[in-house]
Each structure stands twice: as structure tokens, then as C-alpha cells.
Amino acid sequence: MVGGNQRIKLVVSPENRGTQEVSCDGQVSLPVSPGDEIHIYQSPNVLKLIHPQDYSYYHVLRTKLGWSSKLF
């Protein structure tokens, strides 16, 4: 775990061969090369989300992961 105020810096190793990509939350992948730096930090911008009253995060998770379906 890393605190929200921490900054993380990743450097792509020059020893890597072939093609490397970075993807955030399963979205668009971006190519990276040896020596490239990736900086991860909390945005100063705040995003407020709204959900319908009957919204259930766990229902969405069960549906996406198939936890509520029969195995056989």
C-alpha cells in the first residue's frame, strides 16, 4: 500500500528486450522504451461521482466476475 500523497516513479530498464507497454486500469496501452519514466501521483483535481440509490458496487462486481453464475 502507498499513501495518497506518495509519488511513485518507474523507470523502464535498459535490459528489457522487445516491446513493452503500459496500461492503466485496462484501458489504452501506450508503448514505452528503455529509459522511459512513468510517474504516478494523486491528481489535485477532485471528481465527485453520483450513483443511483439502488446502485450496488458488489452486484456489479459479481456480475462482471461471474460470481453469481453456476459453475456447472
N, C-alpha and C. Protein backbone atom coordinates (compact mmCIF):
# COMPACT_ATOMS: atom_id res chain seq x y z
N MET A 1 0.83 -1.17 0.00
CA MET A 1 0.00 0.00 0.00
C MET A 1 0.88 1.23 0.00
N VAL A 2 0.37 2.23 -0.68
CA VAL A 2 1.07 3.51 -0.77
C VAL A 2 0.06 4.59 -0.42
N GLY A 3 0.47 5.53 0.39
CA GLY A 3 -0.42 6.63 0.76
C GLY A 3 -0.77 7.50 -0.44
N GLY A 4 -1.91 8.16 -0.37
CA GLY A 4 -2.37 9.00 -1.47
C GLY A 4 -1.47 10.18 -1.77
N ASN A 5 -0.65 10.58 -0.80
CA ASN A 5 0.24 11.72 -1.03
C ASN A 5 1.62 11.29 -1.52
N GLN A 6 1.83 9.99 -1.69
CA GLN A 6 3.11 9.47 -2.16
C GLN A 6 3.20 9.57 -3.68
N ARG A 7 4.41 9.74 -4.16
CA ARG A 7 4.67 9.74 -5.61
C ARG A 7 5.51 8.51 -5.94
N ILE A 8 5.20 7.89 -7.07
CA ILE A 8 5.92 6.69 -7.50
C ILE A 8 6.55 6.98 -8.85
N LYS A 9 7.81 6.60 -8.99
CA LYS A 9 8.49 6.75 -10.28
C LYS A 9 8.98 5.38 -10.72
N LEU A 10 8.57 4.98 -11.92
CA LEU A 10 9.02 3.73 -12.52
C LEU A 10 9.91 4.07 -13.70
N VAL A 11 11.03 3.37 -13.82
CA VAL A 11 11.93 3.57 -14.96
C VAL A 11 12.03 2.25 -15.70
N VAL A 12 11.79 2.29 -17.00
CA VAL A 12 11.88 1.08 -17.83
C VAL A 12 13.35 0.72 -17.97
N SER A 13 13.69 -0.49 -17.58
CA SER A 13 15.08 -0.94 -17.56
C SER A 13 15.67 -1.02 -18.97
N PRO A 14 16.93 -0.60 -19.12
CA PRO A 14 17.59 -0.72 -20.42
C PRO A 14 17.84 -2.18 -20.80
N GLU A 15 17.70 -3.09 -19.84
CA GLU A 15 17.91 -4.51 -20.12
C GLU A 15 16.70 -5.17 -20.76
N ASN A 16 15.57 -4.48 -20.80
CA ASN A 16 14.36 -5.05 -21.41
C ASN A 16 14.55 -5.20 -22.91
N ARG A 17 14.09 -6.31 -23.41
CA ARG A 17 14.16 -6.59 -24.85
C ARG A 17 12.74 -6.61 -25.40
N GLY A 18 12.59 -6.38 -26.66
CA GLY A 18 11.27 -6.45 -27.27
C GLY A 18 10.45 -5.22 -26.99
N THR A 19 9.15 -5.39 -27.06
CA THR A 19 8.22 -4.28 -26.91
C THR A 19 7.59 -4.31 -25.53
N GLN A 20 7.56 -3.16 -24.87
CA GLN A 20 6.88 -3.03 -23.58
C GLN A 20 5.75 -2.02 -23.74
N GLU A 21 4.70 -2.25 -22.98
CA GLU A 21 3.56 -1.32 -22.98
C GLU A 21 3.12 -1.09 -21.56
N VAL A 22 2.52 0.06 -21.34
CA VAL A 22 1.95 0.37 -20.03
C VAL A 22 0.46 0.61 -20.24
N SER A 23 -0.34 0.08 -19.31
CA SER A 23 -1.79 0.20 -19.40
C SER A 23 -2.32 0.58 -18.03
N CYS A 24 -3.23 1.52 -17.98
CA CYS A 24 -3.83 1.95 -16.71
C CYS A 24 -5.27 1.49 -16.65
N ASP A 25 -5.59 0.69 -15.66
CA ASP A 25 -6.94 0.22 -15.43
C ASP A 25 -7.52 -0.50 -16.65
N GLY A 26 -6.65 -1.21 -17.38
CA GLY A 26 -7.11 -1.98 -18.53
C GLY A 26 -7.52 -1.15 -19.73
N GLN A 27 -7.17 0.10 -19.73
CA GLN A 27 -7.55 0.99 -20.82
C GLN A 27 -6.48 0.96 -21.91
N VAL A 28 -6.38 2.01 -22.68
CA VAL A 28 -5.46 2.10 -23.81
C VAL A 28 -4.03 1.81 -23.36
N SER A 29 -3.32 0.97 -24.11
CA SER A 29 -1.91 0.67 -23.83
C SER A 29 -1.03 1.64 -24.58
N LEU A 30 0.03 2.08 -23.91
CA LEU A 30 0.98 3.00 -24.52
C LEU A 30 2.35 2.34 -24.56
N PRO A 31 3.05 2.45 -25.69
CA PRO A 31 4.38 1.85 -25.77
C PRO A 31 5.38 2.63 -24.91
N VAL A 32 6.31 1.91 -24.30
CA VAL A 32 7.39 2.53 -23.54
C VAL A 32 8.70 1.93 -24.01
N SER A 33 9.76 2.70 -23.86
CA SER A 33 11.09 2.28 -24.29
C SER A 33 12.04 2.28 -23.10
N PRO A 34 13.16 1.55 -23.20
CA PRO A 34 14.14 1.58 -22.12
C PRO A 34 14.54 3.02 -21.78
N GLY A 35 14.58 3.31 -20.49
CA GLY A 35 14.92 4.65 -20.03
C GLY A 35 13.71 5.55 -19.80
N ASP A 36 12.55 5.18 -20.35
CA ASP A 36 11.34 5.98 -20.13
C ASP A 36 10.97 5.96 -18.65
N GLU A 37 10.44 7.09 -18.19
CA GLU A 37 9.99 7.20 -16.80
C GLU A 37 8.47 7.30 -16.76
N ILE A 38 7.88 6.62 -15.79
CA ILE A 38 6.43 6.68 -15.57
C ILE A 38 6.23 7.22 -14.16
N HIS A 39 5.53 8.34 -14.05
CA HIS A 39 5.29 8.98 -12.76
C HIS A 39 3.83 8.77 -12.37
N ILE A 40 3.61 8.29 -11.16
CA ILE A 40 2.26 8.03 -10.66
C ILE A 40 2.05 8.87 -9.41
N TYR A 41 0.99 9.67 -9.44
CA TYR A 41 0.70 10.52 -8.28
C TYR A 41 -0.77 10.89 -8.27
N GLN A 42 -1.22 11.33 -7.12
CA GLN A 42 -2.62 11.71 -6.95
C GLN A 42 -2.86 13.05 -7.63
N SER A 43 -3.93 13.12 -8.38
CA SER A 43 -4.29 14.37 -9.05
C SER A 43 -4.79 15.39 -8.03
N PRO A 44 -4.48 16.67 -8.24
CA PRO A 44 -5.02 17.70 -7.35
C PRO A 44 -6.50 17.96 -7.62
N ASN A 45 -7.01 17.47 -8.74
CA ASN A 45 -8.41 17.67 -9.10
C ASN A 45 -9.29 16.65 -8.38
N VAL A 46 -10.45 17.09 -7.94
CA VAL A 46 -11.39 16.22 -7.24
C VAL A 46 -12.54 15.88 -8.18
N LEU A 47 -12.93 14.62 -8.19
CA LEU A 47 -14.04 14.17 -9.02
C LEU A 47 -15.10 13.58 -8.10
N LYS A 48 -16.28 14.16 -8.13
CA LYS A 48 -17.38 13.64 -7.33
C LYS A 48 -18.25 12.77 -8.23
N LEU A 49 -18.50 11.56 -7.77
CA LEU A 49 -19.31 10.61 -8.53
C LEU A 49 -20.68 10.48 -7.88
N ILE A 50 -21.68 10.28 -8.72
CA ILE A 50 -23.01 10.03 -8.21
C ILE A 50 -23.48 8.67 -8.74
N HIS A 51 -24.27 7.98 -7.95
CA HIS A 51 -24.82 6.69 -8.33
C HIS A 51 -26.30 6.69 -8.00
N PRO A 52 -27.09 5.93 -8.76
CA PRO A 52 -28.49 5.77 -8.39
C PRO A 52 -28.58 5.17 -6.98
N GLN A 53 -29.67 5.42 -6.27
CA GLN A 53 -29.82 4.92 -4.90
C GLN A 53 -29.73 3.40 -4.82
N ASP A 54 -30.19 2.70 -5.86
CA ASP A 54 -30.16 1.24 -5.81
C ASP A 54 -28.86 0.65 -6.38
N TYR A 55 -27.86 1.49 -6.63
CA TYR A 55 -26.58 1.03 -7.18
C TYR A 55 -25.84 0.20 -6.14
N SER A 56 -25.30 -0.93 -6.57
CA SER A 56 -24.52 -1.79 -5.68
C SER A 56 -23.21 -2.15 -6.36
N TYR A 57 -22.13 -1.66 -5.81
CA TYR A 57 -20.80 -1.97 -6.34
C TYR A 57 -20.58 -3.48 -6.36
N TYR A 58 -21.01 -4.16 -5.30
CA TYR A 58 -20.79 -5.60 -5.21
C TYR A 58 -21.63 -6.37 -6.23
N HIS A 59 -22.81 -5.88 -6.55
CA HIS A 59 -23.62 -6.52 -7.60
C HIS A 59 -22.90 -6.40 -8.94
N VAL A 60 -22.38 -5.23 -9.23
CA VAL A 60 -21.64 -5.02 -10.48
C VAL A 60 -20.43 -5.94 -10.52
N LEU A 61 -19.70 -6.02 -9.42
CA LEU A 61 -18.52 -6.87 -9.34
C LEU A 61 -18.88 -8.34 -9.54
N ARG A 62 -19.94 -8.81 -8.86
CA ARG A 62 -20.38 -10.21 -9.02
C ARG A 62 -20.75 -10.50 -10.46
N THR A 63 -21.45 -9.57 -11.11
CA THR A 63 -21.87 -9.76 -12.49
C THR A 63 -20.67 -9.81 -13.43
N LYS A 64 -19.75 -8.87 -13.28
CA LYS A 64 -18.58 -8.82 -14.17
C LYS A 64 -17.67 -10.03 -14.00
N LEU A 65 -17.53 -10.50 -12.76
CA LEU A 65 -16.64 -11.62 -12.50
C LEU A 65 -17.34 -12.97 -12.56
N GLY A 66 -18.65 -12.95 -12.77
CA GLY A 66 -19.40 -14.20 -12.89
C GLY A 66 -19.54 -14.94 -11.57
N TRP A 67 -19.44 -14.24 -10.45
CA TRP A 67 -19.52 -14.90 -9.15
C TRP A 67 -20.92 -15.43 -8.85
N SER A 68 -21.92 -14.86 -9.48
CA SER A 68 -23.29 -15.30 -9.17
C SER A 68 -23.77 -16.39 -10.12
N SER A 69 -22.93 -16.81 -11.06
CA SER A 69 -23.37 -17.82 -12.01
C SER A 69 -23.00 -19.22 -11.51
N LYS A 70 -23.73 -20.21 -12.01
CA LYS A 70 -23.46 -21.60 -11.64
C LYS A 70 -22.21 -22.07 -12.36
N LEU A 71 -21.43 -22.90 -11.69
CA LEU A 71 -20.19 -23.40 -12.28
C LEU A 71 -20.44 -24.52 -13.27
N PHE A 72 -21.49 -25.32 -13.04
CA PHE A 72 -21.77 -26.45 -13.93
C PHE A 72 -23.18 -26.41 -14.41
